[in-house]
Amino acid sequence: MNQSEMRFDGSDYEQERDAPRLSSQFKRVFDLMQDGEWRALREIADLTGDPEASVSAQLRHMRKERFGSHVIEKKYIENGLYHYRLLVNKQKKHAQYQLMEGRHGQERVSRMANQQRHTHGGLR
């Protein structure tokens, strides 16, 4: 897997500095969540060793077409606590692993991801 090939972005993103760290985070979160179990951000962070804010960002990335167009479901538990579940896009799963090996996808958010955000309110 060529981690430096995953395409992240942001106002202070620097490819050389940030790509290896963000690619590794993405892989850890994806590998954990692909079992379809419901988890809180804190639990995901504890199990992956990544900060909660980074876990939340990686879950948002998974919705994007270039990261697989996966579905992230969200359900309210209590007192502002949510649980998240990854539903792997089986049609895009092969593309997901190609991306993680260094091939580029298109940079746009899929209709499914947009619909998911509007239906479930997106991540908070």
PDB file of N, CA and C in Angstrom:
ATOM      1  N   MET A   1       0.850  -1.177   0.000  1.00  0.00           N
ATOM      2  CA  MET A   1       0.000   0.000   0.000  1.00  0.00           C
ATOM      3  C   MET A   1       0.892   1.235   0.000  1.00  0.00           C
ATOM      4  N   ASN A   2       0.642   2.150  -0.898  1.00  0.00           N
ATOM      5  CA  ASN A   2       1.385   3.390  -0.976  1.00  0.00           C
ATOM      6  C   ASN A   2       0.558   4.475  -0.306  1.00  0.00           C
ATOM      7  N   GLN A   3       0.790   4.701   0.974  1.00  0.00           N
ATOM      8  CA  GLN A   3      -0.038   5.613   1.752  1.00  0.00           C
ATOM      9  C   GLN A   3       0.053   7.052   1.281  1.00  0.00           C
ATOM     10  N   SER A   4       1.165   7.437   0.705  1.00  0.00           N
ATOM     11  CA  SER A   4       1.318   8.828   0.293  1.00  0.00           C
ATOM     12  C   SER A   4       0.428   9.168  -0.900  1.00  0.00           C
ATOM     13  N   GLU A   5      -0.206   8.161  -1.528  1.00  0.00           N
ATOM     14  CA  GLU A   5      -1.045   8.407  -2.691  1.00  0.00           C
ATOM     15  C   GLU A   5      -2.497   8.733  -2.335  1.00  0.00           C
ATOM     16  N   MET A   6      -2.915   8.493  -1.099  1.00  0.00           N
ATOM     17  CA  MET A   6      -4.280   8.854  -0.724  1.00  0.00           C
ATOM     18  C   MET A   6      -4.379  10.376  -0.758  1.00  0.00           C
ATOM     19  N   ARG A   7      -5.468  10.885  -1.308  1.00  0.00           N
ATOM     20  CA  ARG A   7      -5.595  12.320  -1.514  1.00  0.00           C
ATOM     21  C   ARG A   7      -6.460  12.973  -0.448  1.00  0.00           C
ATOM     22  N   PHE A   8      -5.806  13.580   0.488  1.00  0.00           N
ATOM     23  CA  PHE A   8      -6.479  14.370   1.512  1.00  0.00           C
ATOM     24  C   PHE A   8      -6.314  15.836   1.122  1.00  0.00           C
ATOM     25  N   ASP A   9      -7.001  16.733   1.809  1.00  0.00           N
ATOM     26  CA  ASP A   9      -6.852  18.152   1.522  1.00  0.00           C
ATOM     27  C   ASP A   9      -7.172  18.953   2.778  1.00  0.00           C
ATOM     28  N   GLY A  10      -7.020  20.241   2.673  1.00  0.00           N
ATOM     29  CA  GLY A  10      -7.297  21.145   3.781  1.00  0.00           C
ATOM     30  C   GLY A  10      -6.407  22.364   3.670  1.00  0.00           C
ATOM     31  N   SER A  11      -6.755  23.403   4.406  1.00  0.00           N
ATOM     32  CA  SER A  11      -6.044  24.673   4.280  1.00  0.00           C
ATOM     33  C   SER A  11      -4.582  24.583   4.709  1.00  0.00           C
ATOM     34  N   ASP A  12      -4.252  23.730   5.659  1.00  0.00           N
ATOM     35  CA  ASP A  12      -2.855  23.620   6.090  1.00  0.00           C
ATOM     36  C   ASP A  12      -2.267  22.240   5.796  1.00  0.00           C
ATOM     37  N   TYR A  13      -2.902  21.516   4.877  1.00  0.00           N
ATOM     38  CA  TYR A  13      -2.435  20.178   4.503  1.00  0.00           C
ATOM     39  C   TYR A  13      -1.140  20.266   3.704  1.00  0.00           C
ATOM     40  N   GLU A  14      -0.158  19.473   4.115  1.00  0.00           N
ATOM     41  CA  GLU A  14       1.098  19.339   3.377  1.00  0.00           C
ATOM     42  C   GLU A  14       1.305  17.868   3.085  1.00  0.00           C
ATOM     43  N   GLN A  15       1.305  17.519   1.812  1.00  0.00           N
ATOM     44  CA  GLN A  15       1.374  16.123   1.365  1.00  0.00           C
ATOM     45  C   GLN A  15       2.488  15.347   2.070  1.00  0.00           C
ATOM     46  N   GLU A  16       3.687  15.838   2.017  1.00  0.00           N
ATOM     47  CA  GLU A  16       4.828  15.103   2.571  1.00  0.00           C
ATOM     48  C   GLU A  16       4.702  14.886   4.073  1.00  0.00           C
ATOM     49  N   ARG A  17       4.228  15.905   4.773  1.00  0.00           N
ATOM     50  CA  ARG A  17       4.102  15.829   6.228  1.00  0.00           C
ATOM     51  C   ARG A  17       2.888  15.014   6.662  1.00  0.00           C
ATOM     52  N   ASP A  18       1.742  15.216   5.984  1.00  0.00           N
ATOM     53  CA  ASP A  18       0.474  14.707   6.499  1.00  0.00           C
ATOM     54  C   ASP A  18      -0.037  13.415   5.870  1.00  0.00           C
ATOM     55  N   ALA A  19       0.315  13.137   4.624  1.00  0.00           N
ATOM     56  CA  ALA A  19      -0.245  11.973   3.924  1.00  0.00           C
ATOM     57  C   ALA A  19       0.011  10.652   4.644  1.00  0.00           C
ATOM     58  N   PRO A  20       1.238  10.366   5.084  1.00  0.00           N
ATOM     59  CA  PRO A  20       1.451   9.074   5.764  1.00  0.00           C
ATOM     60  C   PRO A  20       0.607   8.923   7.037  1.00  0.00           C
ATOM     61  N   ARG A  21       0.510   9.988   7.828  1.00  0.00           N
ATOM     62  CA  ARG A  21      -0.261   9.938   9.076  1.00  0.00           C
ATOM     63  C   ARG A  21      -1.752   9.759   8.784  1.00  0.00           C
ATOM     64  N   LEU A  22      -2.293  10.544   7.862  1.00  0.00           N
ATOM     65  CA  LEU A  22      -3.721  10.477   7.569  1.00  0.00           C
ATOM     66  C   LEU A  22      -4.103   9.170   6.893  1.00  0.00           C
ATOM     67  N   SER A  23      -3.257   8.666   6.020  1.00  0.00           N
ATOM     68  CA  SER A  23      -3.522   7.384   5.359  1.00  0.00           C
ATOM     69  C   SER A  23      -3.544   6.246   6.371  1.00  0.00           C
ATOM     70  N   SER A  24      -2.610   6.289   7.308  1.00  0.00           N
ATOM     71  CA  SER A  24      -2.578   5.256   8.358  1.00  0.00           C
ATOM     72  C   SER A  24      -3.815   5.336   9.245  1.00  0.00           C
ATOM     73  N   GLN A  25      -4.224   6.560   9.592  1.00  0.00           N
ATOM     74  CA  GLN A  25      -5.440   6.735  10.387  1.00  0.00           C
ATOM     75  C   GLN A  25      -6.640   6.165   9.653  1.00  0.00           C
ATOM     76  N   PHE A  26      -6.764   6.524   8.389  1.00  0.00           N
ATOM     77  CA  PHE A  26      -7.891   6.048   7.593  1.00  0.00           C
ATOM     78  C   PHE A  26      -7.940   4.523   7.611  1.00  0.00           C
ATOM     79  N   LYS A  27      -6.818   3.895   7.363  1.00  0.00           N
ATOM     80  CA  LYS A  27      -6.767   2.434   7.313  1.00  0.00           C
ATOM     81  C   LYS A  27      -7.145   1.815   8.655  1.00  0.00           C
ATOM     82  N   ARG A  28      -6.633   2.369   9.758  1.00  0.00           N
ATOM     83  CA  ARG A  28      -6.976   1.828  11.083  1.00  0.00           C
ATOM     84  C   ARG A  28      -8.478   1.931  11.353  1.00  0.00           C
ATOM     85  N   VAL A  29      -9.060   3.091  11.054  1.00  0.00           N
ATOM     86  CA  VAL A  29     -10.489   3.287  11.301  1.00  0.00           C
ATOM     87  C   VAL A  29     -11.316   2.386  10.385  1.00  0.00           C
ATOM     88  N   PHE A  30     -10.952   2.332   9.111  1.00  0.00           N
ATOM     89  CA  PHE A  30     -11.675   1.477   8.168  1.00  0.00           C
ATOM     90  C   PHE A  30     -11.593   0.007   8.583  1.00  0.00           C
ATOM     91  N   ASP A  31     -10.390  -0.456   8.905  1.00  0.00           N
ATOM     92  CA  ASP A  31     -10.207  -1.857   9.287  1.00  0.00           C
ATOM     93  C   ASP A  31     -11.048  -2.222  10.508  1.00  0.00           C
ATOM     94  N   LEU A  32     -11.146  -1.318  11.466  1.00  0.00           N
ATOM     95  CA  LEU A  32     -11.960  -1.566  12.652  1.00  0.00           C
ATOM     96  C   LEU A  32     -13.449  -1.552  12.318  1.00  0.00           C
ATOM     97  N   MET A  33     -13.881  -0.542  11.583  1.00  0.00           N
ATOM     98  CA  MET A  33     -15.306  -0.307  11.392  1.00  0.00           C
ATOM     99  C   MET A  33     -15.944  -1.180  10.320  1.00  0.00           C
ATOM    100  N   GLN A  34     -15.166  -1.833   9.501  1.00  0.00           N
ATOM    101  CA  GLN A  34     -15.763  -2.631   8.421  1.00  0.00           C
ATOM    102  C   GLN A  34     -16.564  -3.829   8.930  1.00  0.00           C
ATOM    103  N   ASP A  35     -16.493  -4.113  10.236  1.00  0.00           N
ATOM    104  CA  ASP A  35     -17.298  -5.199  10.788  1.00  0.00           C
ATOM    105  C   ASP A  35     -18.769  -4.822  10.960  1.00  0.00           C
ATOM    106  N   GLY A  36     -19.105  -3.528  10.751  1.00  0.00           N
ATOM    107  CA  GLY A  36     -20.491  -3.088  10.820  1.00  0.00           C
ATOM    108  C   GLY A  36     -21.035  -2.896  12.225  1.00  0.00           C
ATOM    109  N   GLU A  37     -20.181  -2.928  13.219  1.00  0.00           N
ATOM    110  CA  GLU A  37     -20.625  -2.730  14.610  1.00  0.00           C
ATOM    111  C   GLU A  37     -20.818  -1.244  14.907  1.00  0.00           C
ATOM    112  N   TRP A  38     -21.788  -0.935  15.779  1.00  0.00           N
ATOM    113  CA  TRP A  38     -22.021   0.435  16.233  1.00  0.00           C
ATOM    114  C   TRP A  38     -20.978   0.789  17.279  1.00  0.00           C
ATOM    115  N   ARG A  39     -20.366   1.970  17.149  1.00  0.00           N
ATOM    116  CA  ARG A  39     -19.369   2.426  18.117  1.00  0.00           C
ATOM    117  C   ARG A  39     -19.433   3.941  18.278  1.00  0.00           C
ATOM    118  N   ALA A  40     -19.130   4.408  19.486  1.00  0.00           N
ATOM    119  CA  ALA A  40     -18.982   5.840  19.743  1.00  0.00           C
ATOM    120  C   ALA A  40     -17.591   6.275  19.286  1.00  0.00           C
ATOM    121  N   LEU A  41     -17.437   7.577  19.023  1.00  0.00           N
ATOM    122  CA  LEU A  41     -16.124   8.087  18.621  1.00  0.00           C
ATOM    123  C   LEU A  41     -15.058   7.747  19.649  1.00  0.00           C
ATOM    124  N   ARG A  42     -15.402   7.856  20.926  1.00  0.00           N
ATOM    125  CA  ARG A  42     -14.440   7.557  21.996  1.00  0.00           C
ATOM    126  C   ARG A  42     -13.956   6.109  21.889  1.00  0.00           C
ATOM    127  N   GLU A  43     -14.864   5.187  21.660  1.00  0.00           N
ATOM    128  CA  GLU A  43     -14.497   3.772  21.538  1.00  0.00           C
ATOM    129  C   GLU A  43     -13.589   3.533  20.333  1.00  0.00           C
ATOM    130  N   ILE A  44     -13.928   4.156  19.206  1.00  0.00           N
ATOM    131  CA  ILE A  44     -13.101   4.008  18.005  1.00  0.00           C
ATOM    132  C   ILE A  44     -11.708   4.580  18.279  1.00  0.00           C
ATOM    133  N   ALA A  45     -11.678   5.749  18.911  1.00  0.00           N
ATOM    134  CA  ALA A  45     -10.398   6.385  19.241  1.00  0.00           C
ATOM    135  C   ALA A  45      -9.571   5.495  20.172  1.00  0.00           C
ATOM    136  N   ASP A  46     -10.209   4.928  21.176  1.00  0.00           N
ATOM    137  CA  ASP A  46      -9.493   4.055  22.111  1.00  0.00           C
ATOM    138  C   ASP A  46      -8.937   2.825  21.408  1.00  0.00           C
ATOM    139  N   LEU A  47      -9.709   2.254  20.500  1.00  0.00           N
ATOM    140  CA  LEU A  47      -9.284   1.024  19.829  1.00  0.00           C
ATOM    141  C   LEU A  47      -8.234   1.256  18.737  1.00  0.00           C
ATOM    142  N   THR A  48      -8.248   2.447  18.132  1.00  0.00           N
ATOM    143  CA  THR A  48      -7.277   2.736  17.067  1.00  0.00           C
ATOM    144  C   THR A  48      -6.077   3.525  17.567  1.00  0.00           C
ATOM    145  N   GLY A  49      -6.228   4.199  18.710  1.00  0.00           N
ATOM    146  CA  GLY A  49      -5.154   5.050  19.216  1.00  0.00           C
ATOM    147  C   GLY A  49      -5.119   6.422  18.562  1.00  0.00           C
ATOM    148  N   ASP A  50      -6.170   6.776  17.821  1.00  0.00           N
ATOM    149  CA  ASP A  50      -6.236   8.066  17.131  1.00  0.00           C
ATOM    150  C   ASP A  50      -7.170   9.013  17.886  1.00  0.00           C
ATOM    151  N   PRO A  51      -6.937  10.335  17.790  1.00  0.00           N
ATOM    152  CA  PRO A  51      -7.815  11.303  18.461  1.00  0.00           C
ATOM    153  C   PRO A  51      -9.245  11.232  17.916  1.00  0.00           C
ATOM    154  N   GLU A  52     -10.211  11.552  18.768  1.00  0.00           N
ATOM    155  CA  GLU A  52     -11.616  11.514  18.355  1.00  0.00           C
ATOM    156  C   GLU A  52     -11.887  12.413  17.153  1.00  0.00           C
ATOM    157  N   ALA A  53     -11.291  13.600  17.121  1.00  0.00           N
ATOM    158  CA  ALA A  53     -11.510  14.504  15.985  1.00  0.00           C
ATOM    159  C   ALA A  53     -11.005  13.870  14.689  1.00  0.00           C
ATOM    160  N   SER A  54      -9.894  13.159  14.761  1.00  0.00           N
ATOM    161  CA  SER A  54      -9.352  12.492  13.569  1.00  0.00           C
ATOM    162  C   SER A  54     -10.247  11.342  13.140  1.00  0.00           C
ATOM    163  N   VAL A  55     -10.775  10.601  14.098  1.00  0.00           N
ATOM    164  CA  VAL A  55     -11.695   9.508  13.788  1.00  0.00           C
ATOM    165  C   VAL A  55     -12.924  10.058  13.080  1.00  0.00           C
ATOM    166  N   SER A  56     -13.482  11.154  13.592  1.00  0.00           N
ATOM    167  CA  SER A  56     -14.648  11.762  12.982  1.00  0.00           C
ATOM    168  C   SER A  56     -14.342  12.193  11.546  1.00  0.00           C
ATOM    169  N   ALA A  57     -13.181  12.795  11.341  1.00  0.00           N
ATOM    170  CA  ALA A  57     -12.785  13.215   9.993  1.00  0.00           C
ATOM    171  C   ALA A  57     -12.638  12.016   9.063  1.00  0.00           C
ATOM    172  N   GLN A  58     -12.057  10.929   9.546  1.00  0.00           N
ATOM    173  CA  GLN A  58     -11.873   9.747   8.698  1.00  0.00           C
ATOM    174  C   GLN A  58     -13.214   9.111   8.354  1.00  0.00           C
ATOM    175  N   LEU A  59     -14.157   9.115   9.286  1.00  0.00           N
ATOM    176  CA  LEU A  59     -15.491   8.603   8.977  1.00  0.00           C
ATOM    177  C   LEU A  59     -16.144   9.451   7.886  1.00  0.00           C
ATOM    178  N   ARG A  60     -15.967  10.766   7.943  1.00  0.00           N
ATOM    179  CA  ARG A  60     -16.512  11.639   6.885  1.00  0.00           C
ATOM    180  C   ARG A  60     -15.850  11.335   5.547  1.00  0.00           C
ATOM    181  N   HIS A  61     -14.525  11.102   5.558  1.00  0.00           N
ATOM    182  CA  HIS A  61     -13.818  10.763   4.314  1.00  0.00           C
ATOM    183  C   HIS A  61     -14.409   9.514   3.666  1.00  0.00           C
ATOM    184  N   MET A  62     -14.788   8.536   4.474  1.00  0.00           N
ATOM    185  CA  MET A  62     -15.286   7.267   3.932  1.00  0.00           C
ATOM    186  C   MET A  62     -16.523   7.454   3.070  1.00  0.00           C
ATOM    187  N   ARG A  63     -17.270   8.529   3.288  1.00  0.00           N
ATOM    188  CA  ARG A  63     -18.456   8.817   2.480  1.00  0.00           C
ATOM    189  C   ARG A  63     -18.101   9.328   1.095  1.00  0.00           C
ATOM    190  N   LYS A  64     -16.929   9.900   0.949  1.00  0.00           N
ATOM    191  CA  LYS A  64     -16.528  10.514  -0.320  1.00  0.00           C
ATOM    192  C   LYS A  64     -16.222   9.451  -1.365  1.00  0.00           C
ATOM    193  N   GLU A  65     -16.535   9.764  -2.605  1.00  0.00           N
ATOM    194  CA  GLU A  65     -16.322   8.808  -3.682  1.00  0.00           C
ATOM    195  C   GLU A  65     -14.870   8.351  -3.757  1.00  0.00           C
ATOM    196  N   ARG A  66     -13.941   9.265  -3.606  1.00  0.00           N
ATOM    197  CA  ARG A  66     -12.532   8.885  -3.734  1.00  0.00           C
ATOM    198  C   ARG A  66     -12.052   7.989  -2.600  1.00  0.00           C
ATOM    199  N   PHE A  67     -12.864   7.846  -1.545  1.00  0.00           N
ATOM    200  CA  PHE A  67     -12.547   6.959  -0.440  1.00  0.00           C
ATOM    201  C   PHE A  67     -13.522   5.789  -0.341  1.00  0.00           C
ATOM    202  N   GLY A  68     -14.340   5.586  -1.376  1.00  0.00           N
ATOM    203  CA  GLY A  68     -15.174   4.401  -1.428  1.00  0.00           C
ATOM    204  C   GLY A  68     -16.675   4.588  -1.453  1.00  0.00           C
ATOM    205  N   SER A  69     -17.175   5.790  -1.230  1.00  0.00           N
ATOM    206  CA  SER A  69     -18.626   6.042  -1.209  1.00  0.00           C
ATOM    207  C   SER A  69     -19.342   5.114  -0.228  1.00  0.00           C
ATOM    208  N   HIS A  70     -18.731   4.888   0.912  1.00  0.00           N
ATOM    209  CA  HIS A  70     -19.337   4.030   1.922  1.00  0.00           C
ATOM    210  C   HIS A  70     -20.427   4.796   2.665  1.00  0.00           C
ATOM    211  N   VAL A  71     -21.301   4.074   3.335  1.00  0.00           N
ATOM    212  CA  VAL A  71     -22.354   4.689   4.136  1.00  0.00           C
ATOM    213  C   VAL A  71     -21.917   4.666   5.594  1.00  0.00           C
ATOM    214  N   ILE A  72     -22.000   5.824   6.228  1.00  0.00           N
ATOM    215  CA  ILE A  72     -21.767   5.910   7.668  1.00  0.00           C
ATOM    216  C   ILE A  72     -23.107   6.234   8.305  1.00  0.00           C
ATOM    217  N   GLU A  73     -23.624   5.294   9.064  1.00  0.00           N
ATOM    218  CA  GLU A  73     -24.876   5.525   9.769  1.00  0.00           C
ATOM    219  C   GLU A  73     -24.560   6.108  11.137  1.00  0.00           C
ATOM    220  N   LYS A  74     -25.508   6.874  11.642  1.00  0.00           N
ATOM    221  CA  LYS A  74     -25.318   7.564  12.919  1.00  0.00           C
ATOM    222  C   LYS A  74     -26.616   7.449  13.706  1.00  0.00           C
ATOM    223  N   LYS A  75     -26.501   7.139  14.985  1.00  0.00           N
ATOM    224  CA  LYS A  75     -27.709   7.127  15.816  1.00  0.00           C
ATOM    225  C   LYS A  75     -27.419   7.810  17.146  1.00  0.00           C
ATOM    226  N   TYR A  76     -28.413   8.570  17.591  1.00  0.00           N
ATOM    227  CA  TYR A  76     -28.305   9.310  18.835  1.00  0.00           C
ATOM    228  C   TYR A  76     -28.475   8.351  20.009  1.00  0.00           C
ATOM    229  N   ILE A  77     -27.587   8.473  20.996  1.00  0.00           N
ATOM    230  CA  ILE A  77     -27.683   7.643  22.195  1.00  0.00           C
ATOM    231  C   ILE A  77     -28.266   8.477  23.335  1.00  0.00           C
ATOM    232  N   GLU A  78     -27.510   9.481  23.806  1.00  0.00           N
ATOM    233  CA  GLU A  78     -27.995  10.386  24.853  1.00  0.00           C
ATOM    234  C   GLU A  78     -26.956  11.471  25.105  1.00  0.00           C
ATOM    235  N   ASN A  79     -27.398  12.583  25.658  1.00  0.00           N
ATOM    236  CA  ASN A  79     -26.500  13.672  26.070  1.00  0.00           C
ATOM    237  C   ASN A  79     -25.462  14.041  25.017  1.00  0.00           C
ATOM    238  N   GLY A  80     -25.866  14.115  23.770  1.00  0.00           N
ATOM    239  CA  GLY A  80     -24.943  14.488  22.693  1.00  0.00           C
ATOM    240  C   GLY A  80     -24.043  13.364  22.213  1.00  0.00           C
ATOM    241  N   LEU A  81     -24.249  12.149  22.705  1.00  0.00           N
ATOM    242  CA  LEU A  81     -23.435  11.001  22.306  1.00  0.00           C
ATOM    243  C   LEU A  81     -24.107  10.279  21.138  1.00  0.00           C
ATOM    244  N   TYR A  82     -23.315  10.002  20.117  1.00  0.00           N
ATOM    245  CA  TYR A  82     -23.775   9.272  18.941  1.00  0.00           C
ATOM    246  C   TYR A  82     -22.946   8.006  18.774  1.00  0.00           C
ATOM    247  N   HIS A  83     -23.533   7.033  18.145  1.00  0.00           N
ATOM    248  CA  HIS A  83     -22.816   5.834  17.706  1.00  0.00           C
ATOM    249  C   HIS A  83     -22.811   5.831  16.186  1.00  0.00           C
ATOM    250  N   TYR A  84     -21.739   5.288  15.627  1.00  0.00           N
ATOM    251  CA  TYR A  84     -21.538   5.256  14.180  1.00  0.00           C
ATOM    252  C   TYR A  84     -21.313   3.831  13.725  1.00  0.00           C
ATOM    253  N   ARG A  85     -21.759   3.568  12.499  1.00  0.00           N
ATOM    254  CA  ARG A  85     -21.563   2.249  11.907  1.00  0.00           C
ATOM    255  C   ARG A  85     -21.217   2.431  10.434  1.00  0.00           C
ATOM    256  N   LEU A  86     -20.220   1.693   9.985  1.00  0.00           N
ATOM    257  CA  LEU A  86     -19.817   1.704   8.582  1.00  0.00           C
ATOM    258  C   LEU A  86     -20.514   0.578   7.849  1.00  0.00           C
ATOM    259  N   LEU A  87     -21.181   0.923   6.758  1.00  0.00           N
ATOM    260  CA  LEU A  87     -21.732  -0.065   5.842  1.00  0.00           C
ATOM    261  C   LEU A  87     -20.872   0.020   4.586  1.00  0.00           C
ATOM    262  N   VAL A  88     -20.049  -0.989   4.389  1.00  0.00           N
ATOM    263  CA  VAL A  88     -19.105  -0.982   3.281  1.00  0.00           C
ATOM    264  C   VAL A  88     -19.850  -1.050   1.961  1.00  0.00           C
ATOM    265  N   ASN A  89     -19.502  -0.172   1.057  1.00  0.00           N
ATOM    266  CA  ASN A  89     -20.057  -0.163  -0.293  1.00  0.00           C
ATOM    267  C   ASN A  89     -19.392  -1.311  -1.042  1.00  0.00           C
ATOM    268  N   LYS A  90     -20.095  -2.417  -1.161  1.00  0.00           N
ATOM    269  CA  LYS A  90     -19.525  -3.619  -1.786  1.00  0.00           C
ATOM    270  C   LYS A  90     -19.100  -3.368  -3.220  1.00  0.00           C
ATOM    271  N   GLN A  91     -19.831  -2.511  -3.931  1.00  0.00           N
ATOM    272  CA  GLN A  91     -19.472  -2.202  -5.313  1.00  0.00           C
ATOM    273  C   GLN A  91     -18.188  -1.400  -5.382  1.00  0.00           C
ATOM    274  N   LYS A  92     -17.894  -0.642  -4.342  1.00  0.00           N
ATOM    275  CA  LYS A  92     -16.709   0.207  -4.329  1.00  0.00           C
ATOM    276  C   LYS A  92     -15.583  -0.385  -3.492  1.00  0.00           C
ATOM    277  N   LYS A  93     -15.822  -1.528  -2.843  1.00  0.00           N
ATOM    278  CA  LYS A  93     -14.805  -2.075  -1.951  1.00  0.00           C
ATOM    279  C   LYS A  93     -13.507  -2.346  -2.700  1.00  0.00           C
ATOM    280  N   HIS A  94     -13.597  -2.899  -3.901  1.00  0.00           N
ATOM    281  CA  HIS A  94     -12.390  -3.156  -4.686  1.00  0.00           C
ATOM    282  C   HIS A  94     -11.676  -1.843  -4.993  1.00  0.00           C
ATOM    283  N   ALA A  95     -12.440  -0.821  -5.356  1.00  0.00           N
ATOM    284  CA  ALA A  95     -11.846   0.485  -5.636  1.00  0.00           C
ATOM    285  C   ALA A  95     -11.197   1.053  -4.383  1.00  0.00           C
ATOM    286  N   GLN A  96     -11.806   0.789  -3.215  1.00  0.00           N
ATOM    287  CA  GLN A  96     -11.235   1.251  -1.958  1.00  0.00           C
ATOM    288  C   GLN A  96      -9.826   0.706  -1.769  1.00  0.00           C
ATOM    289  N   TYR A  97      -9.651  -0.565  -2.006  1.00  0.00           N
ATOM    290  CA  TYR A  97      -8.331  -1.148  -1.818  1.00  0.00           C
ATOM    291  C   TYR A  97      -7.370  -0.690  -2.898  1.00  0.00           C
ATOM    292  N   GLN A  98      -7.858  -0.431  -4.105  1.00  0.00           N
ATOM    293  CA  GLN A  98      -6.996   0.140  -5.132  1.00  0.00           C
ATOM    294  C   GLN A  98      -6.516   1.513  -4.689  1.00  0.00           C
ATOM    295  N   LEU A  99      -7.406   2.318  -4.133  1.00  0.00           N
ATOM    296  CA  LEU A  99      -7.042   3.637  -3.661  1.00  0.00           C
ATOM    297  C   LEU A  99      -5.979   3.533  -2.580  1.00  0.00           C
ATOM    298  N   MET A 100      -6.180   2.611  -1.652  1.00  0.00           N
ATOM    299  CA  MET A 100      -5.224   2.462  -0.568  1.00  0.00           C
ATOM    300  C   MET A 100      -3.886   1.955  -1.075  1.00  0.00           C
ATOM    301  N   GLU A 101      -3.865   1.372  -2.275  1.00  0.00           N
ATOM    302  CA  GLU A 101      -2.624   0.924  -2.876  1.00  0.00           C
ATOM    303  C   GLU A 101      -2.015   1.995  -3.767  1.00  0.00           C
ATOM    304  N   GLY A 102      -2.652   3.143  -3.872  1.00  0.00           N
ATOM    305  CA  GLY A 102      -2.032   4.252  -4.561  1.00  0.00           C
ATOM    306  C   GLY A 102      -2.695   4.702  -5.842  1.00  0.00           C
ATOM    307  N   ARG A 103      -3.809   4.146  -6.227  1.00  0.00           N
ATOM    308  CA  ARG A 103      -4.497   4.599  -7.427  1.00  0.00           C
ATOM    309  C   ARG A 103      -5.499   5.675  -7.025  1.00  0.00           C
ATOM    310  N   HIS A 104      -5.694   6.671  -7.899  1.00  0.00           N
ATOM    311  CA  HIS A 104      -6.570   7.796  -7.562  1.00  0.00           C
ATOM    312  C   HIS A 104      -7.986   7.588  -8.070  1.00  0.00           C
ATOM    313  N   GLY A 105      -8.946   8.022  -7.254  1.00  0.00           N
ATOM    314  CA  GLY A 105     -10.343   8.063  -7.658  1.00  0.00           C
ATOM    315  C   GLY A 105     -10.698   9.491  -8.017  1.00  0.00           C
ATOM    316  N   GLN A 106     -11.944   9.730  -8.325  1.00  0.00           N
ATOM    317  CA  GLN A 106     -12.397  11.077  -8.664  1.00  0.00           C
ATOM    318  C   GLN A 106     -12.574  11.883  -7.388  1.00  0.00           C
ATOM    319  N   GLU A 107     -12.315  13.187  -7.478  1.00  0.00           N
ATOM    320  CA  GLU A 107     -12.465  14.052  -6.314  1.00  0.00           C
ATOM    321  C   GLU A 107     -13.818  14.745  -6.344  1.00  0.00           C
ATOM    322  N   ARG A 108     -14.809  14.030  -5.859  1.00  0.00           N
ATOM    323  CA  ARG A 108     -16.146  14.592  -5.718  1.00  0.00           C
ATOM    324  C   ARG A 108     -16.922  13.716  -4.758  1.00  0.00           C
ATOM    325  N   VAL A 109     -17.908  14.276  -4.159  1.00  0.00           N
ATOM    326  CA  VAL A 109     -18.720  13.533  -3.206  1.00  0.00           C
ATOM    327  C   VAL A 109     -19.848  12.872  -3.984  1.00  0.00           C
ATOM    328  N   SER A 110     -20.061  11.609  -3.764  1.00  0.00           N
ATOM    329  CA  SER A 110     -21.082  10.871  -4.506  1.00  0.00           C
ATOM    330  C   SER A 110     -22.485  11.295  -4.095  1.00  0.00           C
ATOM    331  N   ARG A 111     -23.445  10.977  -4.942  1.00  0.00           N
ATOM    332  CA  ARG A 111     -24.835  11.259  -4.616  1.00  0.00           C
ATOM    333  C   ARG A 111     -25.244  10.518  -3.353  1.00  0.00           C
ATOM    334  N   MET A 112     -24.727   9.294  -3.196  1.00  0.00           N
ATOM    335  CA  MET A 112     -25.074   8.515  -2.007  1.00  0.00           C
ATOM    336  C   MET A 112     -24.592   9.225  -0.749  1.00  0.00           C
ATOM    337  N   ALA A 113     -23.375   9.751  -0.780  1.00  0.00           N
ATOM    338  CA  ALA A 113     -22.838  10.445   0.383  1.00  0.00           C
ATOM    339  C   ALA A 113     -23.645  11.701   0.672  1.00  0.00           C
ATOM    340  N   ASN A 114     -23.979  12.451  -0.369  1.00  0.00           N
ATOM    341  CA  ASN A 114     -24.790  13.646  -0.169  1.00  0.00           C
ATOM    342  C   ASN A 114     -26.152  13.291   0.390  1.00  0.00           C
ATOM    343  N   GLN A 115     -26.764  12.255  -0.158  1.00  0.00           N
ATOM    344  CA  GLN A 115     -28.075  11.829   0.324  1.00  0.00           C
ATOM    345  C   GLN A 115     -27.976  11.389   1.779  1.00  0.00           C
ATOM    346  N   GLN A 116     -26.918  10.650   2.118  1.00  0.00           N
ATOM    347  CA  GLN A 116     -26.724  10.202   3.499  1.00  0.00           C
ATOM    348  C   GLN A 116     -26.613  11.384   4.447  1.00  0.00           C
ATOM    349  N   ARG A 117     -25.886  12.413   4.051  1.00  0.00           N
ATOM    350  CA  ARG A 117     -25.732  13.603   4.893  1.00  0.00           C
ATOM    351  C   ARG A 117     -27.069  14.280   5.132  1.00  0.00           C
ATOM    352  N   HIS A 118     -27.860  14.429   4.067  1.00  0.00           N
ATOM    353  CA  HIS A 118     -29.136  15.093   4.191  1.00  0.00           C
ATOM    354  C   HIS A 118     -30.142  14.256   4.977  1.00  0.00           C
ATOM    355  N   THR A 119     -30.093  12.950   4.799  1.00  0.00           N
ATOM    356  CA  THR A 119     -31.033  12.060   5.487  1.00  0.00           C
ATOM    357  C   THR A 119     -30.717  11.949   6.968  1.00  0.00           C
ATOM    358  N   HIS A 120     -29.420  11.816   7.301  1.00  0.00           N
ATOM    359  CA  HIS A 120     -29.028  11.546   8.682  1.00  0.00           C
ATOM    360  C   HIS A 120     -28.337  12.721   9.355  1.00  0.00           C
ATOM    361  N   GLY A 121     -28.224  13.839   8.676  1.00  0.00           N
ATOM    362  CA  GLY A 121     -27.680  15.029   9.317  1.00  0.00           C
ATOM    363  C   GLY A 121     -26.177  15.105   9.356  1.00  0.00           C
ATOM    364  N   GLY A 122     -25.465  14.173   8.738  1.00  0.00           N
ATOM    365  CA  GLY A 122     -23.999  14.224   8.727  1.00  0.00           C
ATOM    366  C   GLY A 122     -23.390  13.951  10.075  1.00  0.00           C
ATOM    367  N   LEU A 123     -22.079  13.953  10.128  1.00  0.00           N
ATOM    368  CA  LEU A 123     -21.368  13.750  11.396  1.00  0.00           C
ATOM    369  C   LEU A 123     -21.288  15.058  12.162  1.00  0.00           C
ATOM    370  N   ARG A 124     -21.240  14.953  13.442  1.00  0.00           N
ATOM    371  CA  ARG A 124     -21.066  16.132  14.277  1.00  0.00           C
ATOM    372  C   ARG A 124     -19.813  15.971  15.084  1.00  0.00           C
TER     373      ARG A 124
END
